Amino acid sequence: MENAKLTPIVVRRRGDGWEFGPSSTLVSLMVGGFVAASALNLCLFTYFIRSANPLMGVPLLLAGVLIGAMAIRAWRTRNTPLSVANGGRVSYGESELCASGTVRNIRIVPSVGGEVGDCEVRLELADGSQVAIPSQYFAGFKSRKHARPFAAEFAKALGVQVTDSADTPTQGDEHS
């Protein structure tokens, strides 16, 4: 995960803990994709407004605006770190996700949204509850194989294990 150009997540040691953030490549692809999709929808909107059936353009305008808002959100959150303090406190930006010492393990679970086979990384707390990571950059992975490197680095920073809901716990510094 050291090479920001080849991995979607960059891990940095900061003072008393660790910071996780999206690589510049991931940010560029995400923002660029949203901008391109928004521009395409707005171009199609213009075409339909000028044609015989202007009502067909309204959904395209709404989709273009929504996708444009997603591009703005992706750009604004690109520098918001997912932080792990030495005591185990986990925060996203200024929001605390978990207090120090409450994370029992990192769990790879099937994604609530998305396609079949998608998964996400969650924090499992001592009381058994799970906390989702709010950033769109850490929200979903196409497979468990793609989620494992991030989960392992995150677990390593917290000093806990990774639990894949399909298998037994593994140490945080292994990339199974």
Protein backbone atom coordinates (compact mmCIF):
# COMPACT_ATOMS: atom_id res chain seq x y z
CA MET A 1 0.00 0.00 0.00
CA GLU A 2 3.02 2.25 -0.04
CA ASN A 3 2.74 3.10 -3.73
CA ALA A 4 -0.12 5.59 -4.15
CA LYS A 5 -0.23 5.11 -7.92
CA LEU A 6 -0.95 1.37 -7.75
CA THR A 7 -3.31 1.10 -4.79
CA PRO A 8 -6.65 2.76 -4.13
CA ILE A 9 -5.80 3.49 -0.48
CA VAL A 10 -2.73 5.31 0.88
CA VAL A 11 -1.58 4.65 4.46
CA ARG A 12 0.49 7.29 6.26
CA ARG A 13 2.04 7.37 9.73
CA ARG A 14 1.04 10.67 11.37
CA GLY A 15 2.31 11.71 14.79
CA ASP A 16 0.44 9.55 17.28
CA GLY A 17 -1.35 7.28 14.82
CA TRP A 18 -2.20 6.30 11.26
CA GLU A 19 -4.13 7.99 8.45
CA PHE A 20 -5.86 6.26 5.58
CA GLY A 21 -6.90 8.16 2.47
CA PRO A 22 -7.70 7.63 -1.19
CA SER A 23 -4.84 7.66 -3.67
CA SER A 24 -4.67 10.48 -6.18
CA THR A 25 -5.41 7.92 -8.91
CA LEU A 26 -8.65 6.81 -7.22
CA VAL A 27 -9.72 10.43 -6.67
CA SER A 28 -8.98 11.31 -10.31
CA LEU A 29 -10.90 8.31 -11.64
CA MET A 30 -13.89 8.87 -9.37
CA VAL A 31 -14.20 12.62 -9.94
CA GLY A 32 -13.42 12.30 -13.65
CA GLY A 33 -16.02 9.56 -14.10
CA PHE A 34 -18.70 11.60 -12.33
CA VAL A 35 -17.87 14.73 -14.33
CA ALA A 36 -17.93 12.82 -17.64
CA ALA A 37 -21.27 11.15 -16.81
CA SER A 38 -22.75 14.48 -15.71
CA ALA A 39 -21.57 16.21 -18.89
CA LEU A 40 -23.01 13.40 -21.04
CA ASN A 41 -26.39 13.69 -19.31
CA LEU A 42 -26.42 17.47 -19.71
CA CYS A 43 -25.53 17.18 -23.41
CA LEU A 44 -28.34 14.68 -23.93
CA PHE A 45 -30.66 17.01 -21.98
CA THR A 46 -29.80 19.84 -24.38
CA TYR A 47 -30.48 17.59 -27.37
CA PHE A 48 -33.90 16.51 -26.09
CA ILE A 49 -34.93 20.05 -25.05
CA ARG A 50 -34.29 21.22 -28.59
CA SER A 51 -36.04 18.23 -30.16
CA ALA A 52 -39.75 17.54 -30.56
CA ASN A 53 -40.07 15.92 -27.12
CA PRO A 54 -38.59 18.24 -24.47
CA LEU A 55 -40.09 16.28 -21.56
CA MET A 56 -37.64 13.44 -22.25
CA GLY A 57 -34.83 15.82 -21.27
CA VAL A 58 -36.06 16.47 -17.72
CA PRO A 59 -34.91 13.13 -16.25
CA LEU A 60 -31.53 13.62 -17.96
CA LEU A 61 -31.20 17.06 -16.38
CA LEU A 62 -32.00 15.66 -12.94
CA ALA A 63 -29.53 12.80 -13.42
CA GLY A 64 -26.84 15.21 -14.64
CA VAL A 65 -27.31 17.47 -11.61
CA LEU A 66 -27.27 14.51 -9.20
CA ILE A 67 -24.12 13.04 -10.75
CA GLY A 68 -22.53 16.50 -10.72
CA ALA A 69 -23.27 16.73 -6.99
CA MET A 70 -21.59 13.35 -6.52
CA ALA A 71 -18.49 14.71 -8.29
CA ILE A 72 -18.43 17.73 -5.98
CA ARG A 73 -18.79 15.50 -2.91
CA ALA A 74 -15.97 13.23 -4.11
CA TRP A 75 -13.72 16.25 -4.66
CA ARG A 76 -14.51 17.81 -1.25
CA THR A 77 -13.95 14.59 0.72
CA ARG A 78 -10.71 13.60 -1.02
CA ASN A 79 -8.57 14.98 1.83
CA THR A 80 -10.73 13.79 4.74
CA PRO A 81 -8.67 11.13 6.51
CA LEU A 82 -9.78 7.98 8.23
CA SER A 83 -7.58 8.17 11.34
CA VAL A 84 -6.48 5.66 13.94
CA ALA A 85 -4.88 7.14 17.07
CA ASN A 86 -2.37 5.11 19.09
CA GLY A 87 -4.99 4.34 21.75
CA GLY A 88 -7.31 2.84 19.13
CA ARG A 89 -9.65 5.82 18.66
CA VAL A 90 -11.02 5.75 15.11
CA SER A 91 -12.31 8.90 13.44
CA TYR A 92 -13.32 10.07 10.01
CA GLY A 93 -12.45 13.74 9.68
CA GLU A 94 -13.68 15.37 12.88
CA SER A 95 -16.26 12.66 13.66
CA GLU A 96 -15.36 9.91 16.10
CA LEU A 97 -16.44 6.48 14.88
CA CYS A 98 -15.16 4.47 17.85
CA ALA A 99 -13.72 5.39 21.22
CA SER A 100 -10.26 4.15 22.23
CA GLY A 101 -10.02 0.44 22.84
CA THR A 102 -13.55 -0.46 21.74
CA VAL A 103 -12.73 -2.14 18.40
CA ARG A 104 -12.63 -5.95 18.77
CA ASN A 105 -11.81 -6.72 15.12
CA ILE A 106 -12.15 -5.61 11.52
CA ARG A 107 -14.88 -7.49 9.69
CA ILE A 108 -15.32 -7.99 5.93
CA VAL A 109 -19.06 -8.34 5.30
CA PRO A 110 -21.35 -8.49 2.26
CA SER A 111 -22.27 -4.99 1.09
CA VAL A 112 -25.72 -3.68 1.97
CA GLY A 113 -25.97 -1.99 -1.44
CA GLY A 114 -24.22 -2.67 -4.68
CA GLU A 115 -23.95 -5.84 -6.70
CA VAL A 116 -23.89 -9.47 -5.61
CA GLY A 117 -20.41 -10.29 -4.32
CA ASP A 118 -19.57 -6.73 -3.27
CA CYS A 119 -18.36 -6.34 0.29
CA GLU A 120 -17.39 -3.66 2.77
CA VAL A 121 -15.04 -3.33 5.71
CA ARG A 122 -16.63 -2.61 9.11
CA LEU A 123 -15.42 -2.11 12.64
CA GLU A 124 -16.75 -4.70 15.08
CA LEU A 125 -16.96 -3.28 18.59
CA ALA A 126 -16.59 -5.07 21.93
CA ASP A 127 -20.39 -5.03 22.41
CA GLY A 128 -20.85 -6.91 19.11
CA SER A 129 -22.22 -3.97 17.11
CA GLN A 130 -20.66 -2.98 13.80
CA VAL A 131 -19.72 0.50 12.62
CA ALA A 132 -19.61 1.33 8.91
CA ILE A 133 -16.94 3.63 7.53
CA PRO A 134 -18.79 6.66 6.12
CA SER A 135 -16.46 7.67 3.27
CA GLN A 136 -17.30 6.79 -0.33
CA TYR A 137 -13.63 5.99 -0.81
CA PHE A 138 -13.73 3.13 1.73
CA ALA A 139 -17.37 2.15 1.28
CA GLY A 140 -17.28 -0.85 -1.02
CA PHE A 141 -15.05 -3.37 -2.69
CA LYS A 142 -15.83 -5.61 -5.67
CA SER A 143 -14.74 -8.75 -3.83
CA ARG A 144 -13.30 -9.99 -0.56
CA LYS A 145 -9.93 -10.28 -2.29
CA HIS A 146 -9.97 -6.53 -2.99
CA ALA A 147 -11.07 -5.69 0.57
CA ARG A 148 -8.44 -7.79 2.36
CA PRO A 149 -5.37 -5.52 1.85
CA PHE A 150 -7.20 -2.46 3.23
CA ALA A 151 -8.74 -4.49 6.07
CA ALA A 152 -5.31 -5.94 6.96
CA GLU A 153 -3.63 -2.51 7.06
CA PHE A 154 -6.51 -1.10 9.10
CA ALA A 155 -6.38 -4.04 11.52
CA LYS A 156 -2.61 -3.67 11.81
CA ALA A 157 -3.00 0.00 12.79
CA LEU A 158 -5.56 -0.98 15.45
CA GLY A 159 -3.71 -4.07 16.65
CA VAL A 160 -6.70 -6.35 16.04
CA GLN A 161 -7.57 -9.20 13.67
CA VAL A 162 -9.49 -9.29 10.39
CA THR A 163 -12.58 -11.51 10.36
CA ASP A 164 -14.05 -12.44 7.03
CA SER A 165 -17.65 -13.50 7.55
CA ALA A 166 -16.85 -16.49 5.31
CA ASP A 167 -13.84 -17.72 7.33
CA THR A 168 -11.94 -17.55 10.62
CA PRO A 169 -9.99 -14.55 11.99
CA THR A 170 -6.60 -13.73 10.51
CA GLN A 171 -3.84 -11.50 11.87
CA GLY A 172 -3.96 -7.84 10.82
CA ASP A 173 -0.52 -7.87 9.21
CA GLU A 174 -1.33 -10.74 6.86
CA HIS A 175 -2.72 -10.04 3.40
CA SER A 176 -4.34 -13.47 2.92
